[in-house]
Amino acid sequence: SRPKALTIVALLMCLAGCAGSAPSRFYVLSPLVSSKAESQALKDEGCIMIGIGPVELPAYLDRPQIVTRVNENELNLAEFDKWAEPLKDNFSRVLVENLSTLLYTDAISIFPWKGSTPIDYRVKVTVIRMDGNIGGNASLVARWAIFRESDRKMLLTRQSSYSESLRSQSYKALVSAQSGVIGDLSREIAEEIKRYAFR
């Protein structure tokens, strides 16, 4: 009968849909691993409070899906490979963790500031591009600036570009390489903070 046939068709479609769906995988960026070479005695230089932020990302990255680049004008959004939290929050936290490791200090606050301790130096970061391609490279282009908060003076502004090869053709390798280029940015920022805040 027709109702029975429709029921069978609907059941088959449901089974096909269930069989074809893959589980989503979720990723987070990782901070630098602390080392003695990067943990020198800046802690004895006095109580300097460093503020990070605001950190801005382009709108095309403001989504759960991991974005890869097909070519200069075409992007791909992963269907099953996603960020476990908003990328802006993950990026900001990893940057703070990296700088805390590199400068050997916990006196780093993330925008918006909390607490009553005044910020001495602020780092603003605008990500222009952060993507890559599976089996190729991860890239990061960012414009950043250091401000002295006492008189709101911009001490430095710079645009930096980084690239790191993926170790395998996977989203896990892509996220690992993206963590690496954020580490490179963190090192460059840390060196300039040392020059201005700890001289």
Protein backbone atom coordinates (compact mmCIF):
# COMPACT_ATOMS: atom_id res chain seq x y z
CA SER A 1 0.00 0.00 0.00
CA ARG A 2 1.06 3.61 -0.49
CA PRO A 3 1.28 4.55 3.25
CA LYS A 4 3.45 1.49 3.88
CA ALA A 5 5.71 2.34 0.95
CA LEU A 6 6.14 5.92 2.18
CA THR A 7 7.01 4.63 5.65
CA ILE A 8 9.70 2.35 4.20
CA VAL A 9 11.15 5.20 2.11
CA ALA A 10 11.25 7.51 5.15
CA LEU A 11 12.93 4.80 7.23
CA LEU A 12 15.57 4.20 4.56
CA MET A 13 16.29 7.94 4.30
CA CYS A 14 16.68 8.15 8.07
CA LEU A 15 19.06 5.20 8.12
CA ALA A 16 21.09 6.68 5.26
CA GLY A 17 21.35 10.00 7.09
CA CYS A 18 22.51 8.33 10.30
CA ALA A 19 25.08 6.21 8.49
CA GLY A 20 26.47 9.22 6.62
CA SER A 21 26.94 11.58 9.56
CA ALA A 22 30.39 11.75 11.15
CA PRO A 23 31.06 12.91 14.72
CA SER A 24 32.39 16.43 15.11
CA ARG A 25 35.92 16.95 16.43
CA PHE A 26 36.76 19.93 18.63
CA TYR A 27 40.12 21.69 18.98
CA VAL A 28 41.87 24.31 21.12
CA LEU A 29 45.08 26.24 20.56
CA SER A 30 47.96 25.35 22.90
CA PRO A 31 50.38 27.68 24.73
CA LEU A 32 54.17 27.52 24.71
CA VAL A 33 55.95 25.06 26.95
CA SER A 34 58.01 26.85 29.58
CA SER A 35 61.79 26.58 29.34
CA LYS A 36 64.68 28.02 31.32
CA ALA A 37 65.85 29.95 28.28
CA GLU A 38 62.55 31.81 28.18
CA SER A 39 62.08 32.15 31.95
CA GLN A 40 64.74 34.65 32.94
CA ALA A 41 64.57 36.81 36.01
CA LEU A 42 62.20 39.55 34.89
CA LYS A 43 60.23 38.90 38.06
CA ASP A 44 62.82 40.94 39.99
CA GLU A 45 62.39 44.01 37.79
CA GLY A 46 59.48 45.42 39.79
CA CYS A 47 55.72 45.19 39.69
CA ILE A 48 54.79 46.07 36.12
CA MET A 49 51.21 45.31 35.09
CA ILE A 50 50.74 44.46 31.41
CA GLY A 51 47.35 44.52 29.72
CA ILE A 52 46.56 42.49 26.62
CA GLY A 53 43.75 43.71 24.44
CA PRO A 54 41.57 44.28 22.87
CA VAL A 55 42.39 41.37 20.55
CA GLU A 56 40.47 41.62 17.28
CA LEU A 57 39.94 38.89 14.69
CA PRO A 58 38.46 39.22 11.19
CA ALA A 59 34.78 38.34 10.86
CA TYR A 60 35.47 35.28 8.70
CA LEU A 61 37.10 33.60 11.73
CA ASP A 62 34.20 34.41 14.06
CA ARG A 63 32.53 31.01 13.68
CA PRO A 64 32.81 27.51 15.20
CA GLN A 65 34.16 25.89 12.01
CA ILE A 66 37.89 25.83 11.38
CA VAL A 67 38.65 27.89 8.28
CA THR A 68 41.20 26.79 5.69
CA ARG A 69 42.30 28.63 2.57
CA VAL A 70 41.77 27.15 -0.89
CA ASN A 71 43.39 30.11 -2.65
CA GLU A 72 43.71 33.86 -2.16
CA ASN A 73 39.99 34.41 -2.77
CA GLU A 74 38.38 31.17 -1.59
CA LEU A 75 37.97 29.76 1.90
CA ASN A 76 36.70 26.42 3.15
CA LEU A 77 34.72 25.86 6.35
CA ALA A 78 35.28 22.44 7.93
CA GLU A 79 32.05 20.52 8.40
CA PHE A 80 33.15 18.34 11.31
CA ASP A 81 36.30 20.06 12.65
CA LYS A 82 35.46 22.93 14.97
CA TRP A 83 36.83 25.19 17.69
CA ALA A 84 35.86 24.13 21.20
CA GLU A 85 35.33 27.78 22.20
CA PRO A 86 35.20 31.13 20.41
CA LEU A 87 38.52 31.54 18.61
CA LYS A 88 38.95 35.11 19.87
CA ASP A 89 38.79 33.92 23.50
CA ASN A 90 41.12 30.99 22.83
CA PHE A 91 43.63 33.19 20.95
CA SER A 92 43.60 35.85 23.69
CA ARG A 93 44.09 33.34 26.50
CA VAL A 94 46.96 31.54 24.74
CA LEU A 95 48.66 34.89 24.01
CA VAL A 96 48.43 35.82 27.71
CA GLU A 97 49.74 32.40 28.78
CA ASN A 98 52.63 32.68 26.32
CA LEU A 99 53.62 36.16 27.51
CA SER A 100 53.35 35.06 31.12
CA THR A 101 55.81 32.25 30.34
CA LEU A 102 58.15 34.39 28.24
CA LEU A 103 58.22 37.27 30.72
CA TYR A 104 58.10 35.03 33.78
CA THR A 105 55.32 37.05 35.36
CA ASP A 106 51.70 36.67 36.35
CA ALA A 107 51.14 40.43 36.23
CA ILE A 108 49.25 40.24 32.94
CA SER A 109 45.59 41.13 32.56
CA ILE A 110 43.29 40.51 29.62
CA PHE A 111 40.85 43.11 28.27
CA PRO A 112 38.42 44.14 29.67
CA TRP A 113 40.47 44.75 32.81
CA LYS A 114 39.25 43.44 36.13
CA GLY A 115 40.38 44.55 39.56
CA SER A 116 41.80 47.82 40.80
CA THR A 117 45.46 47.42 39.77
CA PRO A 118 46.28 49.98 37.05
CA ILE A 119 47.72 48.83 33.73
CA ASP A 120 51.24 50.15 33.01
CA TYR A 121 51.63 48.93 29.41
CA ARG A 122 48.98 47.70 27.02
CA VAL A 123 49.32 45.52 23.92
CA LYS A 124 46.60 45.75 21.27
CA VAL A 125 46.50 42.99 18.63
CA THR A 126 44.54 42.98 15.37
CA VAL A 127 44.68 39.69 13.50
CA ILE A 128 44.52 40.34 9.76
CA ARG A 129 44.75 36.73 8.66
CA MET A 130 44.98 33.36 10.43
CA ASP A 131 44.37 30.29 8.32
CA GLY A 132 46.23 27.66 6.34
CA ASN A 133 45.69 24.59 4.22
CA ILE A 134 45.75 20.92 5.13
CA GLY A 135 49.11 19.49 4.16
CA GLY A 136 50.61 22.94 3.56
CA ASN A 137 51.28 25.82 5.94
CA ALA A 138 49.57 27.69 8.75
CA SER A 139 49.89 31.45 8.48
CA LEU A 140 49.32 34.41 10.78
CA VAL A 141 49.42 38.09 9.89
CA ALA A 142 48.84 40.50 12.76
CA ARG A 143 49.15 44.22 13.41
CA TRP A 144 50.02 45.04 17.01
CA ALA A 145 50.97 48.01 19.14
CA ILE A 146 52.34 48.73 22.60
CA PHE A 147 50.93 51.66 24.58
CA ARG A 148 52.14 53.31 27.78
CA GLU A 149 48.92 53.73 29.72
CA SER A 150 50.06 56.61 31.98
CA ASP A 151 49.90 59.04 29.05
CA ARG A 152 48.23 56.76 26.43
CA LYS A 153 51.31 57.09 24.23
CA MET A 154 51.85 54.56 21.45
CA LEU A 155 55.43 53.33 21.85
CA LEU A 156 55.48 50.91 18.94
CA THR A 157 53.31 49.66 16.11
CA ARG A 158 54.21 46.80 13.80
CA GLN A 159 52.75 44.32 11.33
CA SER A 160 54.19 40.81 11.61
CA SER A 161 53.78 37.73 9.41
CA TYR A 162 54.52 34.12 10.35
CA SER A 163 54.22 30.75 8.65
CA GLU A 164 54.75 27.18 9.83
CA SER A 165 54.62 23.93 7.88
CA LEU A 166 52.14 21.27 8.94
CA ARG A 167 53.59 17.96 10.09
CA SER A 168 50.76 15.94 8.59
CA GLN A 169 47.60 16.36 6.53
CA SER A 170 45.12 16.83 9.36
CA TYR A 171 43.23 19.51 11.23
CA LYS A 172 45.10 18.48 14.39
CA ALA A 173 48.37 19.37 12.63
CA LEU A 174 46.87 22.65 11.39
CA VAL A 175 45.83 23.71 14.91
CA SER A 176 49.26 22.70 16.24
CA ALA A 177 50.97 24.84 13.57
CA GLN A 178 48.61 27.74 14.32
CA SER A 179 49.60 27.46 17.98
CA GLY A 180 53.20 27.65 16.77
CA VAL A 181 52.76 30.90 14.84
CA ILE A 182 50.95 32.46 17.82
CA GLY A 183 54.01 31.44 19.82
CA ASP A 184 56.20 33.29 17.30
CA LEU A 185 54.05 36.41 17.67
CA SER A 186 54.24 36.09 21.45
CA ARG A 187 58.04 35.97 21.38
CA GLU A 188 58.26 39.11 19.25
CA ILE A 189 55.85 40.99 21.50
CA ALA A 190 57.68 39.80 24.63
CA GLU A 191 61.01 41.09 23.34
CA GLU A 192 59.55 44.57 22.79
CA ILE A 193 57.82 44.58 26.17
CA LYS A 194 61.19 43.79 27.76
CA ARG A 195 62.72 46.71 25.89
CA TYR A 196 60.12 49.24 27.05
CA ALA A 197 58.81 47.96 30.37
CA PHE A 198 61.91 46.37 31.90
CA ARG A 199 64.74 48.62 30.78
